[in-house]
Amino acid sequence: MSATDFDHRLGHGRVSRAFVGYDGARLVIELPFPPSTNHLYVQRPHSRKRVLTMEGRAYKHTVQQLLFEQKAWKYCPRPPFELGLWYYLPDKQKRDLSNLIKAVEDALSTYLHYDDSCHHALHLHRAGVDPENPRVVVSLERHDDILPVPLRSAG
């Protein structure tokens, strides 16, 4: 399934070509708007195993194809990462941004060959509504200042 097929399947106007930018420390990528986590996995009958839906597989394939065309792997910083996601929504429908993270994380980590547990900081932004070109802009930056979580005593 091509990027255009995926986009038309979701009813979006168009898929932007994956923009890849790199400023020496941060990789910035523009990707198609992701499916919700609610539509990403399905449980197989008589099994505990969850599998990616057709929509999830199509999104992952589209993202990987776009990243391959832009040779994004050349610019990927080394982990650990700070991941920033700016969502340009297709409409004003209420959405839980946390349900839009997983598809992007999985597609990026598979293509760039790292475990998504390398995201040590995560920032989500509602960037606006763009019905003509719904998308997510991704910023992947090395996160050197990892602070330990302060623990309080239970006693």
N, C-alpha and C. Protein backbone atom coordinates (compact mmCIF):
# COMPACT_ATOMS: atom_id res chain seq x y z
N MET A 1 0.85 -1.17 0.00
CA MET A 1 0.00 0.00 0.00
C MET A 1 0.89 1.23 0.00
N SER A 2 0.66 2.12 -0.90
CA SER A 2 1.49 3.33 -1.02
C SER A 2 1.03 4.39 -0.03
N ALA A 3 1.85 5.44 0.12
CA ALA A 3 1.51 6.54 1.01
C ALA A 3 0.19 7.16 0.59
N THR A 4 -0.03 7.31 -0.70
CA THR A 4 -1.27 7.91 -1.19
C THR A 4 -2.46 7.01 -0.89
N ASP A 5 -2.31 5.69 -1.07
CA ASP A 5 -3.38 4.76 -0.76
C ASP A 5 -3.75 4.85 0.71
N PHE A 6 -2.73 4.90 1.57
CA PHE A 6 -2.97 5.00 3.01
C PHE A 6 -3.75 6.27 3.31
N ASP A 7 -3.32 7.37 2.74
CA ASP A 7 -3.93 8.66 3.02
C ASP A 7 -5.38 8.68 2.56
N HIS A 8 -5.66 8.16 1.37
CA HIS A 8 -7.02 8.16 0.87
C HIS A 8 -7.89 7.21 1.69
N ARG A 9 -7.32 6.14 2.19
CA ARG A 9 -8.05 5.21 3.02
C ARG A 9 -8.54 5.89 4.29
N LEU A 10 -7.73 6.80 4.81
CA LEU A 10 -8.10 7.52 6.02
C LEU A 10 -8.97 8.74 5.71
N GLY A 11 -9.12 9.08 4.43
CA GLY A 11 -9.94 10.21 4.05
C GLY A 11 -9.23 11.54 4.13
N HIS A 12 -7.92 11.53 4.21
CA HIS A 12 -7.16 12.78 4.26
C HIS A 12 -6.94 13.31 2.85
N GLY A 13 -6.67 14.59 2.75
CA GLY A 13 -6.48 15.22 1.46
C GLY A 13 -5.23 14.76 0.76
N ARG A 14 -4.10 14.70 1.46
CA ARG A 14 -2.85 14.29 0.82
C ARG A 14 -1.83 13.92 1.88
N VAL A 15 -0.82 13.22 1.46
CA VAL A 15 0.30 12.92 2.33
C VAL A 15 1.43 13.85 1.95
N SER A 16 1.96 14.54 2.92
CA SER A 16 3.13 15.36 2.62
C SER A 16 4.31 14.41 2.47
N ARG A 17 5.22 14.74 1.62
CA ARG A 17 6.44 13.97 1.54
C ARG A 17 7.15 14.14 2.87
N ALA A 18 7.81 13.14 3.35
CA ALA A 18 8.48 13.25 4.64
C ALA A 18 9.59 14.29 4.53
N PHE A 19 9.44 15.36 5.24
CA PHE A 19 10.50 16.35 5.30
C PHE A 19 11.46 15.89 6.36
N VAL A 20 12.72 15.88 6.03
CA VAL A 20 13.75 15.53 7.01
C VAL A 20 14.73 16.68 7.09
N GLY A 21 14.92 17.19 8.29
CA GLY A 21 15.89 18.24 8.52
C GLY A 21 16.80 17.84 9.66
N TYR A 22 18.02 18.34 9.64
CA TYR A 22 18.98 18.01 10.68
C TYR A 22 19.87 19.21 10.92
N ASP A 23 19.99 19.62 12.18
CA ASP A 23 20.80 20.80 12.49
C ASP A 23 22.06 20.46 13.29
N GLY A 24 22.50 19.21 13.25
CA GLY A 24 23.70 18.80 13.96
C GLY A 24 23.40 18.13 15.29
N ALA A 25 22.22 18.38 15.84
CA ALA A 25 21.86 17.77 17.12
C ALA A 25 20.46 17.18 17.09
N ARG A 26 19.61 17.70 16.22
CA ARG A 26 18.20 17.32 16.24
C ARG A 26 17.73 16.94 14.85
N LEU A 27 17.04 15.81 14.78
CA LEU A 27 16.42 15.34 13.54
C LEU A 27 14.95 15.77 13.58
N VAL A 28 14.49 16.45 12.54
CA VAL A 28 13.10 16.89 12.44
C VAL A 28 12.49 16.22 11.21
N ILE A 29 11.33 15.60 11.41
CA ILE A 29 10.68 14.83 10.35
C ILE A 29 9.21 15.20 10.31
N GLU A 30 8.66 15.41 9.13
CA GLU A 30 7.23 15.63 8.96
C GLU A 30 6.64 14.35 8.39
N LEU A 31 5.65 13.81 9.08
CA LEU A 31 5.05 12.54 8.71
C LEU A 31 3.53 12.67 8.58
N PRO A 32 2.89 11.71 7.91
CA PRO A 32 1.43 11.71 7.84
C PRO A 32 0.82 11.58 9.24
N PHE A 33 -0.41 12.04 9.37
CA PHE A 33 -1.12 11.96 10.64
C PHE A 33 -1.31 10.49 11.01
N PRO A 34 -1.00 10.10 12.25
CA PRO A 34 -1.06 8.68 12.62
C PRO A 34 -2.45 8.21 13.02
N PRO A 35 -2.69 6.92 12.91
CA PRO A 35 -3.93 6.36 13.46
C PRO A 35 -3.85 6.33 14.98
N SER A 36 -4.99 6.33 15.62
CA SER A 36 -5.07 6.26 17.07
C SER A 36 -4.64 4.87 17.55
N THR A 37 -4.11 4.81 18.75
CA THR A 37 -3.76 3.52 19.35
C THR A 37 -4.99 2.63 19.44
N ASN A 38 -6.16 3.24 19.57
CA ASN A 38 -7.42 2.46 19.62
C ASN A 38 -7.65 1.67 18.34
N HIS A 39 -7.05 2.10 17.22
CA HIS A 39 -7.23 1.42 15.93
C HIS A 39 -5.95 0.74 15.46
N LEU A 40 -4.99 0.59 16.35
CA LEU A 40 -3.67 0.11 15.95
C LEU A 40 -3.51 -1.40 16.12
N TYR A 41 -4.13 -1.97 17.14
CA TYR A 41 -3.96 -3.39 17.43
C TYR A 41 -5.31 -4.07 17.56
N VAL A 42 -5.32 -5.35 17.27
CA VAL A 42 -6.51 -6.17 17.46
C VAL A 42 -6.06 -7.46 18.15
N GLN A 43 -6.91 -7.98 19.01
CA GLN A 43 -6.60 -9.22 19.71
C GLN A 43 -7.08 -10.39 18.87
N ARG A 44 -6.20 -11.34 18.65
CA ARG A 44 -6.60 -12.53 17.89
C ARG A 44 -7.55 -13.37 18.73
N PRO A 45 -8.56 -13.95 18.08
CA PRO A 45 -9.49 -14.80 18.83
C PRO A 45 -8.76 -16.01 19.42
N HIS A 46 -9.12 -16.37 20.64
CA HIS A 46 -8.56 -17.53 21.33
C HIS A 46 -7.05 -17.41 21.53
N SER A 47 -6.56 -16.18 21.68
CA SER A 47 -5.14 -15.97 21.86
C SER A 47 -4.94 -14.71 22.70
N ARG A 48 -3.81 -14.64 23.36
CA ARG A 48 -3.48 -13.44 24.11
C ARG A 48 -2.67 -12.46 23.26
N LYS A 49 -2.32 -12.89 22.08
CA LYS A 49 -1.45 -12.09 21.22
C LYS A 49 -2.23 -10.98 20.52
N ARG A 50 -1.68 -9.76 20.59
CA ARG A 50 -2.24 -8.62 19.86
C ARG A 50 -1.42 -8.43 18.59
N VAL A 51 -2.10 -8.14 17.50
CA VAL A 51 -1.41 -7.93 16.23
C VAL A 51 -1.80 -6.58 15.66
N LEU A 52 -0.92 -6.06 14.84
CA LEU A 52 -1.15 -4.78 14.19
C LEU A 52 -2.31 -4.91 13.20
N THR A 53 -3.19 -3.94 13.19
CA THR A 53 -4.30 -3.94 12.24
C THR A 53 -3.76 -3.58 10.85
N MET A 54 -4.62 -3.71 9.85
CA MET A 54 -4.22 -3.34 8.49
C MET A 54 -3.87 -1.84 8.46
N GLU A 55 -4.63 -1.02 9.17
CA GLU A 55 -4.37 0.41 9.22
C GLU A 55 -3.01 0.69 9.88
N GLY A 56 -2.70 -0.05 10.94
CA GLY A 56 -1.40 0.11 11.61
C GLY A 56 -0.24 -0.31 10.73
N ARG A 57 -0.40 -1.43 10.03
CA ARG A 57 0.66 -1.90 9.12
C ARG A 57 0.87 -0.92 7.97
N ALA A 58 -0.24 -0.38 7.44
CA ALA A 58 -0.15 0.57 6.33
C ALA A 58 0.58 1.84 6.77
N TYR A 59 0.27 2.33 7.98
CA TYR A 59 0.94 3.54 8.47
C TYR A 59 2.43 3.30 8.66
N LYS A 60 2.76 2.19 9.29
CA LYS A 60 4.16 1.85 9.53
C LYS A 60 4.93 1.74 8.22
N HIS A 61 4.34 1.07 7.25
CA HIS A 61 4.97 0.91 5.94
C HIS A 61 5.15 2.26 5.25
N THR A 62 4.12 3.11 5.31
CA THR A 62 4.19 4.43 4.68
C THR A 62 5.30 5.26 5.29
N VAL A 63 5.36 5.31 6.62
CA VAL A 63 6.40 6.08 7.31
C VAL A 63 7.78 5.56 6.94
N GLN A 64 7.95 4.26 6.97
CA GLN A 64 9.26 3.69 6.66
C GLN A 64 9.66 3.98 5.22
N GLN A 65 8.71 3.93 4.30
CA GLN A 65 8.99 4.24 2.90
C GLN A 65 9.42 5.70 2.75
N LEU A 66 8.70 6.61 3.40
CA LEU A 66 9.03 8.03 3.33
C LEU A 66 10.39 8.32 3.96
N LEU A 67 10.69 7.68 5.08
CA LEU A 67 11.98 7.89 5.74
C LEU A 67 13.12 7.32 4.90
N PHE A 68 12.87 6.20 4.25
CA PHE A 68 13.88 5.60 3.37
C PHE A 68 14.20 6.53 2.21
N GLU A 69 13.16 7.11 1.60
CA GLU A 69 13.37 8.02 0.46
C GLU A 69 14.22 9.23 0.87
N GLN A 70 14.09 9.67 2.12
CA GLN A 70 14.83 10.84 2.60
C GLN A 70 16.15 10.47 3.29
N LYS A 71 16.45 9.17 3.36
CA LYS A 71 17.69 8.69 4.01
C LYS A 71 17.81 9.22 5.44
N ALA A 72 16.72 9.16 6.18
CA ALA A 72 16.66 9.71 7.54
C ALA A 72 17.65 9.02 8.48
N TRP A 73 17.97 7.76 8.24
CA TRP A 73 18.88 7.03 9.13
C TRP A 73 20.24 7.72 9.23
N LYS A 74 20.64 8.46 8.20
CA LYS A 74 21.95 9.13 8.22
C LYS A 74 22.04 10.19 9.31
N TYR A 75 20.88 10.74 9.70
CA TYR A 75 20.86 11.90 10.59
C TYR A 75 20.38 11.58 12.00
N CYS A 76 20.09 10.33 12.26
CA CYS A 76 19.54 9.97 13.57
C CYS A 76 20.60 10.14 14.65
N PRO A 77 20.31 10.95 15.69
CA PRO A 77 21.27 11.07 16.79
C PRO A 77 21.33 9.77 17.57
N ARG A 78 22.32 9.67 18.45
CA ARG A 78 22.45 8.46 19.27
C ARG A 78 21.54 8.56 20.49
N PRO A 79 20.98 7.43 20.94
CA PRO A 79 20.12 7.46 22.12
C PRO A 79 20.94 7.81 23.37
N PRO A 80 20.30 8.24 24.43
CA PRO A 80 18.87 8.37 24.67
C PRO A 80 18.30 9.61 23.99
N PHE A 81 16.97 9.58 23.76
CA PHE A 81 16.32 10.61 22.98
C PHE A 81 15.32 11.44 23.80
N GLU A 82 15.13 12.66 23.31
CA GLU A 82 14.00 13.48 23.70
C GLU A 82 13.13 13.56 22.45
N LEU A 83 11.90 13.11 22.56
CA LEU A 83 10.99 13.04 21.42
C LEU A 83 9.93 14.13 21.56
N GLY A 84 9.82 14.97 20.55
CA GLY A 84 8.78 16.00 20.50
C GLY A 84 7.85 15.71 19.35
N LEU A 85 6.56 15.80 19.58
CA LEU A 85 5.54 15.54 18.56
C LEU A 85 4.57 16.71 18.49
N TRP A 86 4.47 17.33 17.31
CA TRP A 86 3.55 18.43 17.05
C TRP A 86 2.48 17.91 16.10
N TYR A 87 1.24 17.85 16.57
CA TYR A 87 0.14 17.30 15.79
C TYR A 87 -0.66 18.41 15.12
N TYR A 88 -0.78 18.34 13.79
CA TYR A 88 -1.66 19.19 13.00
C TYR A 88 -2.86 18.33 12.68
N LEU A 89 -3.95 18.56 13.38
CA LEU A 89 -5.12 17.68 13.35
C LEU A 89 -5.95 17.88 12.09
N PRO A 90 -6.65 16.82 11.65
CA PRO A 90 -7.47 16.92 10.43
C PRO A 90 -8.77 17.70 10.64
N ASP A 91 -9.22 17.82 11.90
CA ASP A 91 -10.47 18.52 12.20
C ASP A 91 -10.48 18.91 13.67
N LYS A 92 -11.58 19.50 14.12
CA LYS A 92 -11.66 19.98 15.50
C LYS A 92 -12.21 18.93 16.46
N GLN A 93 -12.33 17.70 16.01
CA GLN A 93 -12.82 16.61 16.85
C GLN A 93 -11.93 16.48 18.08
N LYS A 94 -12.54 16.20 19.24
CA LYS A 94 -11.75 16.02 20.47
C LYS A 94 -10.90 14.76 20.32
N ARG A 95 -9.61 14.89 20.64
CA ARG A 95 -8.68 13.76 20.54
C ARG A 95 -7.78 13.73 21.76
N ASP A 96 -7.49 12.54 22.21
CA ASP A 96 -6.53 12.34 23.28
C ASP A 96 -5.16 12.18 22.61
N LEU A 97 -4.29 13.17 22.75
CA LEU A 97 -2.98 13.13 22.07
C LEU A 97 -2.17 11.90 22.47
N SER A 98 -2.34 11.42 23.68
CA SER A 98 -1.55 10.26 24.10
C SER A 98 -1.89 9.01 23.29
N ASN A 99 -3.07 8.99 22.64
CA ASN A 99 -3.43 7.86 21.78
C ASN A 99 -2.79 7.94 20.40
N LEU A 100 -2.07 9.02 20.12
CA LEU A 100 -1.46 9.20 18.80
C LEU A 100 0.05 8.99 18.82
N ILE A 101 0.59 8.56 19.94
CA ILE A 101 2.03 8.42 20.09
C ILE A 101 2.55 7.09 19.52
N LYS A 102 1.90 5.99 19.85
CA LYS A 102 2.44 4.65 19.61
C LYS A 102 2.77 4.36 18.15
N ALA A 103 1.89 4.73 17.23
CA ALA A 103 2.13 4.43 15.81
C ALA A 103 3.40 5.13 15.33
N VAL A 104 3.58 6.38 15.75
CA VAL A 104 4.77 7.15 15.35
C VAL A 104 6.01 6.54 15.98
N GLU A 105 5.97 6.25 17.28
CA GLU A 105 7.12 5.65 17.97
C GLU A 105 7.54 4.33 17.32
N ASP A 106 6.58 3.46 17.07
CA ASP A 106 6.89 2.15 16.49
C ASP A 106 7.49 2.26 15.09
N ALA A 107 6.92 3.12 14.26
CA ALA A 107 7.42 3.27 12.89
C ALA A 107 8.83 3.85 12.90
N LEU A 108 9.07 4.87 13.72
CA LEU A 108 10.41 5.48 13.80
C LEU A 108 11.44 4.49 14.31
N SER A 109 11.11 3.83 15.42
CA SER A 109 12.10 2.94 16.04
C SER A 109 12.42 1.74 15.15
N THR A 110 11.44 1.26 14.41
CA THR A 110 11.70 0.14 13.50
C THR A 110 12.62 0.58 12.37
N TYR A 111 12.31 1.73 11.75
CA TYR A 111 13.13 2.19 10.63
C TYR A 111 14.53 2.63 11.07
N LEU A 112 14.61 3.35 12.19
CA LEU A 112 15.89 3.90 12.63
C LEU A 112 16.67 2.91 13.51
N HIS A 113 16.14 1.72 13.72
CA HIS A 113 16.81 0.61 14.40
C HIS A 113 17.21 0.94 15.84
N TYR A 114 16.25 1.37 16.62
CA TYR A 114 16.47 1.53 18.05
C TYR A 114 15.20 1.11 18.78
N ASP A 115 15.32 0.84 20.06
CA ASP A 115 14.18 0.45 20.87
C ASP A 115 13.49 1.73 21.35
N ASP A 116 12.17 1.80 21.24
CA ASP A 116 11.50 3.03 21.65
C ASP A 116 11.55 3.29 23.15
N SER A 117 12.15 2.38 23.91
CA SER A 117 12.40 2.66 25.33
C SER A 117 13.53 3.69 25.47
N CYS A 118 14.19 4.03 24.38
CA CYS A 118 15.25 5.05 24.39
C CYS A 118 14.69 6.47 24.46
N HIS A 119 13.36 6.62 24.44
CA HIS A 119 12.76 7.94 24.59
C HIS A 119 12.72 8.27 26.08
N HIS A 120 13.63 9.14 26.52
CA HIS A 120 13.71 9.48 27.94
C HIS A 120 12.88 10.70 28.29
N ALA A 121 12.48 11.46 27.30
CA ALA A 121 11.59 12.61 27.50
C ALA A 121 10.65 12.67 26.31
N LEU A 122 9.41 13.02 26.59
CA LEU A 122 8.38 13.06 25.55
C LEU A 122 7.58 14.34 25.70
N HIS A 123 7.44 15.08 24.60
CA HIS A 123 6.68 16.33 24.59
C HIS A 123 5.62 16.26 23.50
N LEU A 124 4.37 16.50 23.87
CA LEU A 124 3.25 16.47 22.93
C LEU A 124 2.69 17.87 22.77
N HIS A 125 2.40 18.24 21.53
CA HIS A 125 1.89 19.58 21.25
C HIS A 125 0.72 19.49 20.28
N ARG A 126 -0.36 20.20 20.59
CA ARG A 126 -1.49 20.35 19.67
C ARG A 126 -1.16 21.59 18.85
N ALA A 127 -0.66 21.40 17.63
CA ALA A 127 -0.13 22.51 16.83
C ALA A 127 -1.22 23.26 16.07
N GLY A 128 -2.39 22.69 15.93
CA GLY A 128 -3.46 23.36 15.22
C GLY A 128 -4.25 22.38 14.37
N VAL A 129 -5.14 22.92 13.58
CA VAL A 129 -5.98 22.12 12.68
C VAL A 129 -5.59 22.46 11.25
N ASP A 130 -5.32 21.43 10.45
CA ASP A 130 -4.97 21.62 9.05
C ASP A 130 -5.67 20.52 8.24
N PRO A 131 -6.93 20.73 7.85
CA PRO A 131 -7.67 19.69 7.14
C PRO A 131 -7.06 19.32 5.79
N GLU A 132 -6.32 20.23 5.18
CA GLU A 132 -5.69 19.97 3.88
C GLU A 132 -4.46 19.07 4.01
N ASN A 133 -3.77 19.15 5.13
CA ASN A 133 -2.54 18.37 5.30
C ASN A 133 -2.34 18.01 6.78
N PRO A 134 -3.20 17.12 7.32
CA PRO A 134 -2.98 16.69 8.71
C PRO A 134 -1.67 15.92 8.79
N ARG A 135 -0.91 16.18 9.84
CA ARG A 135 0.42 15.58 9.92
C ARG A 135 0.93 15.64 11.35
N VAL A 136 2.06 14.99 11.55
CA VAL A 136 2.77 15.10 12.81
C VAL A 136 4.21 15.49 12.47
N VAL A 137 4.71 16.50 13.16
CA VAL A 137 6.10 16.89 13.01
C VAL A 137 6.84 16.32 14.21
N VAL A 138 7.90 15.58 13.91
CA VAL A 138 8.65 14.85 14.93
C VAL A 138 10.01 15.50 15.11
N SER A 139 10.39 15.68 16.36
CA SER A 139 11.74 16.14 16.68
C SER A 139 12.40 15.07 17.54
N LEU A 140 13.54 14.59 17.09
CA LEU A 140 14.28 13.55 17.81
C LEU A 140 15.65 14.12 18.12
N GLU A 141 15.92 14.29 19.41
CA GLU A 141 17.14 14.96 19.84
C GLU A 141 17.81 14.13 20.93
N ARG A 142 19.14 14.11 20.90
CA ARG A 142 19.88 13.40 21.95
C ARG A 142 19.56 14.07 23.28
N HIS A 143 19.34 13.26 24.29
CA HIS A 143 18.97 13.75 25.63
C HIS A 143 20.10 13.39 26.59
N ASP A 144 21.03 14.31 26.76
CA ASP A 144 22.21 14.04 27.61
C ASP A 144 21.95 14.26 29.09
N ASP A 145 21.08 15.18 29.42
CA ASP A 145 20.86 15.53 30.82
C ASP A 145 19.74 14.70 31.42
N ILE A 146 20.03 13.45 31.68
CA ILE A 146 19.04 12.55 32.24
C ILE A 146 19.12 12.64 33.76
N LEU A 147 18.07 13.14 34.35
CA LEU A 147 18.03 13.30 35.79
C LEU A 147 17.32 12.12 36.42
N PRO A 148 17.86 11.60 37.52
CA PRO A 148 17.16 10.50 38.19
C PRO A 148 15.87 11.02 38.83
N VAL A 149 14.89 10.16 38.91
CA VAL A 149 13.63 10.52 39.53
C VAL A 149 13.84 10.53 41.04
N PRO A 150 13.51 11.64 41.70
CA PRO A 150 13.68 11.64 43.16
C PRO A 150 12.65 10.73 43.82
N LEU A 151 13.11 9.91 44.72
CA LEU A 151 12.23 8.97 45.43
C LEU A 151 12.02 9.45 46.85
N ARG A 152 10.79 9.32 47.33
CA ARG A 152 10.51 9.65 48.73
C ARG A 152 10.41 8.35 49.49
N SER A 153 10.78 8.39 50.72
CA SER A 153 10.72 7.17 51.53
C SER A 153 9.26 6.82 51.83
N ALA A 154 8.98 5.55 51.92
CA ALA A 154 7.62 5.08 52.18
C ALA A 154 7.29 5.20 53.66
N GLY A 155 8.27 5.44 54.51
CA GLY A 155 8.05 5.40 55.94
C GLY A 155 7.76 6.69 56.52
